[in-house]
Amino acid sequence: MNMPASRPALDRPANNPRVVSLLPSATELLAAIGGEGLLVGRSHECDFPASVATVPVLTAARTRGSPAEVDQQVSAALAAGESLYTLNEDLLAELAPDVILTQDLCSVCSIDHAAVARAAARLPRPPHVVCLNPTTLEGVLDDLLTVARAVGRESAGTNAMVALRSRLYAAEELVNPYAEGPVVGFLEWTDPLFCAGHWTVQMIERAGGRHPLNPTKPNPQAGAAAGPQRAQRTAGPSRRVTPQDFAAAQPQFIIVSPCGLGLEETRAGVVALAAQPWWNGLPAVRDGRVALVDGNQMFNRPGPRLVDAFEWLVGWLNERPGAMPAGFPWEPWGMSAGAAHTF
């Protein structure tokens, strides 16, 4: 987890450190261990729990527009070696954090670790920078413990991790491990198409589905990585696919959950997809098995609410609506608002 063996010997509060979170999932992890009150600064994307809205914002995004326009801006910025986010270093210095929570997994999703580390090193009292890089479900649970150690709440971290793990196991018990599950097409972006990667593919497979566009593979020496060894099956990052490749997979279920977008923006993206001839011939579209999910809140954030997303996924793929968390932010494609969800 890139945590140093020991912290710098600085005169700082051991039990109530001042924390800045520049990562939405890290803010949720902090809140899950009862550390929400430690937060003195956040990123512009940190919006859960709702009470963090009063905490000062330190970052802003440079990109905006339609999915296609954002993709073009991202590609141009990455090619030029430019950051996609700004950081208010004056405010950061004023807040004088003891701990900064950030990431180095995706320079597109949130401000990157290198930019944060440079800013932290310029502060009069350089804070402890915790870099989170989960690529698996188990890695997310580990991050809960990492954040807990960084803020001196190890016991609370262990308790929260055990509770989340228990919910994951309980949901998995509803899945028939002997049935060949349906093919799932999971879109993390709609223009161009990007299919799911990392922990999302693990979730699909553990919920009983198959994701042939980017399947998990066993780690070396892990054998088939079946049963309790499923943590040894990992997938690569989200990857770009052509409409032809997506259609060739013949998905029986489709989930559209673009990274960082809410339901309204997701709906607009699917309207554009539905105007393309290949879309309406897909089995999932013909059978009414297309789900739109708020990607800004679920699936794309490697935090505690991945468990909510997994419970929903198990319920939807296995026709067990009782497994779905109340209020989960999703809607079936093609149904009017407020209509009953179907499977």
Protein backbone atom coordinates (compact mmCIF):
# COMPACT_ATOMS: atom_id res chain seq x y z
CA MET A 1 0.00 0.00 0.00
CA ASN A 2 3.09 2.26 -0.25
CA MET A 3 2.96 3.04 3.47
CA PRO A 4 6.34 3.87 5.00
CA ALA A 5 7.65 1.69 7.79
CA SER A 6 7.41 4.59 10.22
CA ARG A 7 6.13 8.14 10.31
CA PRO A 8 8.33 11.22 10.59
CA ALA A 9 8.93 12.16 14.21
CA LEU A 10 6.76 15.27 14.29
CA ASP A 11 4.86 16.90 17.12
CA ARG A 12 1.35 16.00 16.02
CA PRO A 13 -1.81 14.69 17.65
CA ALA A 14 -1.70 10.90 17.83
CA ASN A 15 -5.44 10.27 18.15
CA ASN A 16 -6.98 13.23 16.33
CA PRO A 17 -4.86 14.05 13.29
CA ARG A 18 -5.98 16.67 10.81
CA VAL A 19 -6.84 14.78 7.62
CA VAL A 20 -7.16 15.96 4.03
CA SER A 21 -8.73 13.48 1.61
CA LEU A 22 -8.20 14.05 -2.10
CA LEU A 23 -9.99 10.84 -3.05
CA PRO A 24 -13.75 10.18 -2.73
CA SER A 25 -13.29 6.52 -1.78
CA ALA A 26 -10.76 7.48 0.89
CA THR A 27 -13.24 9.93 2.39
CA GLU A 28 -15.80 7.11 2.56
CA LEU A 29 -13.26 4.76 4.12
CA LEU A 30 -12.44 7.40 6.73
CA ALA A 31 -16.14 7.87 7.54
CA ALA A 32 -16.62 4.09 7.79
CA ILE A 33 -14.19 3.96 10.72
CA GLY A 34 -15.76 6.93 12.49
CA GLY A 35 -13.07 9.37 11.39
CA GLU A 36 -15.28 11.79 9.52
CA GLY A 37 -14.70 14.45 12.19
CA LEU A 38 -10.97 14.40 11.43
CA LEU A 39 -11.51 15.72 7.90
CA VAL A 40 -10.35 19.31 7.39
CA GLY A 41 -10.11 19.35 3.58
CA ARG A 42 -11.43 17.33 0.65
CA SER A 43 -11.48 17.01 -3.12
CA HIS A 44 -14.30 18.46 -5.21
CA GLU A 45 -15.52 14.89 -5.83
CA CYS A 46 -15.78 13.93 -2.14
CA ASP A 47 -19.55 14.11 -1.66
CA PHE A 48 -20.37 11.15 0.61
CA PRO A 49 -21.44 11.12 3.36
CA ALA A 50 -23.46 14.28 2.74
CA SER A 51 -22.12 15.97 5.87
CA VAL A 52 -18.69 16.48 4.24
CA ALA A 53 -20.25 19.20 2.07
CA THR A 54 -19.19 21.78 4.67
CA VAL A 55 -15.51 20.75 4.51
CA PRO A 56 -13.24 23.04 2.41
CA VAL A 57 -12.58 21.93 -1.19
CA LEU A 58 -8.99 21.80 -2.44
CA THR A 59 -9.24 20.50 -6.02
CA ALA A 60 -11.04 21.19 -9.30
CA ALA A 61 -11.28 19.34 -12.61
CA ARG A 62 -9.95 20.78 -15.85
CA THR A 63 -12.21 18.64 -18.07
CA ARG A 64 -15.86 19.13 -18.93
CA GLY A 65 -18.37 18.38 -21.67
CA SER A 66 -19.86 15.29 -23.30
CA PRO A 67 -18.26 11.84 -22.89
CA ALA A 68 -16.55 12.23 -26.28
CA GLU A 69 -15.29 15.73 -25.43
CA VAL A 70 -13.99 14.61 -22.03
CA ASP A 71 -12.20 11.67 -23.66
CA GLN A 72 -10.49 14.04 -26.12
CA GLN A 73 -9.45 16.43 -23.34
CA VAL A 74 -8.09 13.57 -21.24
CA SER A 75 -6.09 12.16 -24.15
CA ALA A 76 -4.61 15.57 -24.96
CA ALA A 77 -3.66 16.29 -21.34
CA LEU A 78 -2.05 12.88 -20.83
CA ALA A 79 -0.10 13.21 -24.08
CA ALA A 80 1.20 16.59 -22.93
CA GLY A 81 2.02 15.31 -19.45
CA GLU A 82 -0.43 17.75 -17.87
CA SER A 83 -2.55 17.13 -14.79
CA LEU A 84 -6.30 16.86 -15.18
CA TYR A 85 -6.86 18.55 -11.83
CA THR A 86 -5.82 21.69 -9.97
CA LEU A 87 -4.80 21.78 -6.31
CA ASN A 88 -5.18 24.86 -4.10
CA GLU A 89 -1.79 24.76 -2.40
CA ASP A 90 -2.36 27.98 -0.44
CA LEU A 91 -5.46 26.52 1.19
CA LEU A 92 -3.62 23.24 1.79
CA ALA A 93 -0.92 25.10 3.69
CA GLU A 94 -3.55 26.97 5.70
CA LEU A 95 -5.27 23.71 6.69
CA ALA A 96 -1.94 22.25 7.90
CA PRO A 97 -2.91 18.57 7.59
CA ASP A 98 -1.16 15.79 9.47
CA VAL A 99 -2.33 13.16 6.97
CA ILE A 100 -3.21 13.39 3.27
CA LEU A 101 -5.13 10.56 1.62
CA THR A 102 -4.57 10.25 -2.13
CA GLN A 103 -4.10 7.67 -4.90
CA ASP A 104 -1.78 6.58 -7.68
CA LEU A 105 -4.05 4.13 -9.46
CA CYS A 106 -5.67 6.36 -12.07
CA SER A 107 -4.53 9.86 -13.07
CA VAL A 108 -7.86 10.32 -14.87
CA CYS A 109 -10.12 9.62 -11.89
CA SER A 110 -8.49 11.85 -9.24
CA ILE A 111 -5.43 14.00 -8.71
CA ASP A 112 -2.32 11.83 -8.88
CA HIS A 113 0.09 10.99 -6.07
CA ALA A 114 3.08 12.73 -7.64
CA ALA A 115 1.33 16.11 -7.71
CA VAL A 116 0.15 15.68 -4.13
CA ALA A 117 3.59 14.59 -2.92
CA ARG A 118 5.23 17.66 -4.46
CA ALA A 119 2.71 19.97 -2.80
CA ALA A 120 3.04 18.19 0.55
CA ALA A 121 6.84 18.46 0.49
CA ARG A 122 6.58 22.25 0.22
CA LEU A 123 4.54 22.58 3.42
CA PRO A 124 6.27 23.84 6.60
CA ARG A 125 5.41 20.54 8.30
CA PRO A 126 5.24 17.89 5.58
CA PRO A 127 2.27 15.61 6.30
CA HIS A 128 2.13 11.83 6.08
CA VAL A 129 0.91 11.08 2.54
CA VAL A 130 -1.04 7.82 2.27
CA CYS A 131 -1.32 6.52 -1.29
CA LEU A 132 -4.10 4.02 -2.02
CA ASN A 133 -3.88 1.79 -5.10
CA PRO A 134 -6.49 -0.99 -4.86
CA THR A 135 -7.15 -3.15 -7.92
CA THR A 136 -9.14 -5.90 -6.19
CA LEU A 137 -11.99 -6.26 -3.71
CA GLU A 138 -9.55 -7.55 -1.12
CA GLY A 139 -7.35 -4.56 -1.82
CA VAL A 140 -10.23 -2.24 -0.95
CA LEU A 141 -10.69 -4.02 2.38
CA ASP A 142 -6.95 -3.67 2.97
CA ASP A 143 -7.24 0.05 2.28
CA LEU A 144 -9.75 0.32 5.10
CA LEU A 145 -7.06 -0.99 7.43
CA THR A 146 -4.43 1.26 5.85
CA VAL A 147 -6.50 4.39 6.44
CA ALA A 148 -7.31 3.24 9.97
CA ARG A 149 -3.62 2.83 10.81
CA ALA A 150 -2.78 6.22 9.33
CA VAL A 151 -5.24 8.02 11.62
CA GLY A 152 -4.74 5.88 14.72
CA ARG A 153 -8.04 3.97 14.57
CA GLU A 154 -6.87 0.41 13.98
CA SER A 155 -9.57 -1.24 16.07
CA ALA A 156 -12.36 0.62 14.29
CA GLY A 157 -10.79 -0.31 10.97
CA THR A 158 -10.74 -4.00 11.82
CA ASN A 159 -14.37 -3.95 12.94
CA ALA A 160 -15.50 -2.14 9.79
CA MET A 161 -13.53 -4.49 7.55
CA VAL A 162 -15.00 -7.58 9.19
CA ALA A 163 -18.54 -6.20 8.83
CA LEU A 164 -18.05 -5.44 5.12
CA ARG A 165 -16.46 -8.81 4.47
CA SER A 166 -19.36 -10.56 6.19
CA ARG A 167 -21.83 -8.80 3.88
CA LEU A 168 -19.80 -9.84 0.84
CA TYR A 169 -19.83 -13.47 1.97
CA ALA A 170 -23.54 -13.37 2.73
CA ALA A 171 -24.33 -12.05 -0.76
CA GLU A 172 -22.12 -14.69 -2.39
CA GLU A 173 -24.16 -17.40 -0.66
CA LEU A 174 -27.09 -16.44 -2.91
CA VAL A 175 -25.15 -17.34 -6.08
CA ASN A 176 -25.28 -20.83 -7.60
CA PRO A 177 -21.58 -21.72 -8.09
CA TYR A 178 -22.38 -24.62 -10.44
CA ALA A 179 -24.40 -22.73 -13.06
CA GLU A 180 -22.77 -21.11 -16.08
CA GLY A 181 -23.77 -17.52 -15.56
CA PRO A 182 -24.87 -14.98 -18.16
CA VAL A 183 -22.52 -12.84 -20.19
CA VAL A 184 -22.41 -9.33 -18.73
CA GLY A 185 -21.40 -6.25 -20.69
CA PHE A 186 -20.30 -3.56 -18.24
CA LEU A 187 -19.58 -0.12 -19.70
CA GLU A 188 -17.46 2.33 -17.70
CA TRP A 189 -17.62 4.90 -20.54
CA THR A 190 -19.92 5.27 -23.52
CA ASP A 191 -18.06 7.38 -26.08
CA PRO A 192 -15.73 5.71 -26.82
CA LEU A 193 -16.72 2.42 -25.22
CA PHE A 194 -14.68 1.26 -22.23
CA CYS A 195 -15.52 -2.03 -20.53
CA ALA A 196 -15.03 -2.82 -16.85
CA GLY A 197 -11.73 -3.68 -15.23
CA HIS A 198 -10.10 -4.48 -11.89
CA TRP A 199 -12.49 -5.10 -8.95
CA THR A 200 -15.64 -4.66 -11.05
CA VAL A 201 -14.83 -7.78 -13.08
CA GLN A 202 -14.24 -9.71 -9.85
CA MET A 203 -17.64 -8.58 -8.62
CA ILE A 204 -19.36 -9.66 -11.84
CA GLU A 205 -17.83 -13.12 -11.73
CA ARG A 206 -18.49 -13.62 -8.01
CA ALA A 207 -22.09 -12.56 -8.57
CA GLY A 208 -22.47 -15.37 -11.10
CA GLY A 209 -21.81 -13.55 -14.35
CA ARG A 210 -19.15 -13.75 -17.03
CA HIS A 211 -17.23 -10.81 -18.48
CA PRO A 212 -15.44 -12.11 -21.59
CA LEU A 213 -14.32 -8.66 -22.78
CA ASN A 214 -11.88 -8.40 -19.85
CA PRO A 215 -12.08 -11.56 -17.72
CA THR A 216 -10.17 -12.27 -14.54
CA LYS A 217 -7.16 -14.55 -14.76
CA PRO A 218 -5.51 -16.62 -12.01
CA ASN A 219 -2.27 -15.33 -10.61
CA PRO A 220 0.77 -17.55 -11.17
CA GLN A 221 0.91 -20.53 -8.79
CA ALA A 222 -2.78 -20.08 -7.87
CA GLY A 223 -4.10 -23.09 -9.77
CA ALA A 224 -7.65 -22.62 -10.94
CA ALA A 225 -8.17 -20.00 -8.22
CA ALA A 226 -11.63 -21.37 -7.49
CA GLY A 227 -13.66 -21.26 -4.29
CA PRO A 228 -11.86 -19.52 -1.42
CA GLN A 229 -8.98 -18.73 -3.80
CA ARG A 230 -11.04 -16.39 -5.96
CA ALA A 231 -9.08 -13.44 -4.58
CA GLN A 232 -6.22 -14.83 -6.68
CA ARG A 233 -8.20 -14.16 -9.87
CA THR A 234 -7.61 -10.59 -10.99
CA ALA A 235 -8.47 -8.46 -14.01
CA GLY A 236 -6.59 -5.69 -15.72
CA PRO A 237 -7.74 -2.06 -15.89
CA SER A 238 -10.77 -0.90 -17.81
CA ARG A 239 -10.02 -1.06 -21.52
CA ARG A 240 -11.35 0.45 -24.71
CA VAL A 241 -13.44 -1.83 -26.94
CA THR A 242 -15.03 -1.32 -30.33
CA PRO A 243 -18.80 -1.55 -30.86
CA GLN A 244 -18.08 -4.63 -32.95
CA ASP A 245 -16.24 -6.33 -30.08
CA PHE A 246 -18.94 -5.41 -27.60
CA ALA A 247 -21.68 -6.71 -29.90
CA ALA A 248 -19.72 -9.90 -30.63
CA ALA A 249 -19.74 -10.74 -26.91
CA GLN A 250 -23.55 -10.96 -27.12
CA PRO A 251 -24.15 -9.69 -23.57
CA GLN A 252 -27.27 -11.03 -21.89
CA PHE A 253 -27.10 -8.31 -19.24
CA ILE A 254 -25.72 -4.80 -19.77
CA ILE A 255 -24.74 -2.39 -17.01
CA VAL A 256 -23.89 1.19 -17.97
CA SER A 257 -22.06 2.94 -15.14
CA PRO A 258 -19.72 5.62 -16.52
CA CYS A 259 -16.91 6.67 -14.22
CA GLY A 260 -17.76 9.89 -12.42
CA LEU A 261 -21.19 10.41 -14.01
CA GLY A 262 -24.62 10.44 -12.41
CA LEU A 263 -27.82 8.89 -13.73
CA GLU A 264 -28.92 11.88 -15.80
CA GLU A 265 -25.63 12.00 -17.72
CA THR A 266 -25.63 8.20 -18.01
CA ARG A 267 -29.12 8.29 -19.49
CA ALA A 268 -27.98 10.76 -22.15
CA GLY A 269 -25.07 8.49 -23.03
CA VAL A 270 -27.36 5.49 -23.51
CA VAL A 271 -29.72 7.53 -25.67
CA ALA A 272 -26.76 8.08 -27.99
CA LEU A 273 -25.92 4.36 -27.93
CA ALA A 274 -29.53 3.44 -28.69
CA ALA A 275 -29.34 5.48 -31.89
CA GLN A 276 -26.70 3.12 -33.27
CA PRO A 277 -27.90 0.05 -35.21
CA TRP A 278 -25.69 -2.49 -33.41
CA TRP A 279 -27.11 -1.59 -29.98
CA ASN A 280 -30.72 -2.67 -30.52
CA GLY A 281 -29.69 -6.12 -31.71
CA LEU A 282 -27.98 -7.06 -28.45
CA PRO A 283 -29.68 -9.83 -26.44
CA ALA A 284 -29.74 -7.70 -23.27
CA VAL A 285 -31.45 -4.83 -25.09
CA ARG A 286 -34.03 -7.10 -26.73
CA ASP A 287 -34.81 -8.77 -23.38
CA GLY A 288 -34.99 -5.54 -21.35
CA ARG A 289 -31.95 -6.39 -19.22
CA VAL A 290 -30.10 -3.08 -19.36
CA ALA A 291 -29.37 -1.26 -16.11
CA LEU A 292 -28.14 2.30 -15.66
CA VAL A 293 -26.17 2.85 -12.45
CA ASP A 294 -24.85 6.07 -10.91
CA GLY A 295 -21.15 5.55 -11.62
CA ASN A 296 -20.19 8.60 -9.60
CA GLN A 297 -21.39 6.80 -6.47
CA MET A 298 -21.22 3.07 -7.20
CA PHE A 299 -18.80 0.58 -8.78
CA ASN A 300 -16.19 3.16 -9.79
CA ARG A 301 -15.27 4.19 -6.24
CA PRO A 302 -13.11 1.56 -4.49
CA GLY A 303 -14.62 2.16 -1.08
CA PRO A 304 -17.16 0.69 1.36
CA ARG A 305 -20.10 1.11 -1.01
CA LEU A 306 -18.65 -1.49 -3.35
CA VAL A 307 -20.41 -3.89 -1.00
CA ASP A 308 -23.73 -2.18 -1.75
CA ALA A 309 -22.93 -2.47 -5.46
CA PHE A 310 -22.12 -6.16 -5.09
CA GLU A 311 -25.36 -6.85 -3.23
CA TRP A 312 -27.27 -5.07 -5.98
CA LEU A 313 -25.39 -7.00 -8.66
CA VAL A 314 -26.16 -10.34 -7.00
CA GLY A 315 -29.82 -9.39 -6.74
CA TRP A 316 -30.11 -8.22 -10.35
CA LEU A 317 -28.22 -11.05 -12.05
CA ASN A 318 -29.84 -13.78 -9.95
CA GLU A 319 -33.41 -12.43 -9.83
CA ARG A 320 -33.24 -11.88 -6.08
CA PRO A 321 -34.60 -8.35 -5.59
CA GLY A 322 -34.57 -8.81 -1.83
CA ALA A 323 -30.77 -8.78 -1.93
CA MET A 324 -30.68 -5.27 -3.38
CA PRO A 325 -29.95 -2.44 -0.93
CA ALA A 326 -32.78 0.02 -0.49
CA GLY A 327 -32.27 3.23 -2.40
CA PHE A 328 -29.53 1.89 -4.66
CA PRO A 329 -29.08 4.51 -7.45
CA TRP A 330 -30.06 2.62 -10.59
CA GLU A 331 -32.82 2.41 -13.15
CA PRO A 332 -33.75 -0.06 -15.90
CA TRP A 333 -33.21 1.35 -19.38
CA GLY A 334 -36.36 2.15 -21.29
CA MET A 335 -38.70 2.41 -18.30
CA SER A 336 -40.30 5.61 -17.13
CA ALA A 337 -39.25 7.11 -13.81
CA GLY A 338 -41.01 5.50 -10.90
CA ALA A 339 -41.95 2.33 -12.81
CA ALA A 340 -41.37 -1.01 -11.16
CA HIS A 341 -37.95 -2.57 -11.72
CA THR A 342 -37.95 -5.77 -13.75
CA PHE A 343 -35.45 -8.55 -14.23
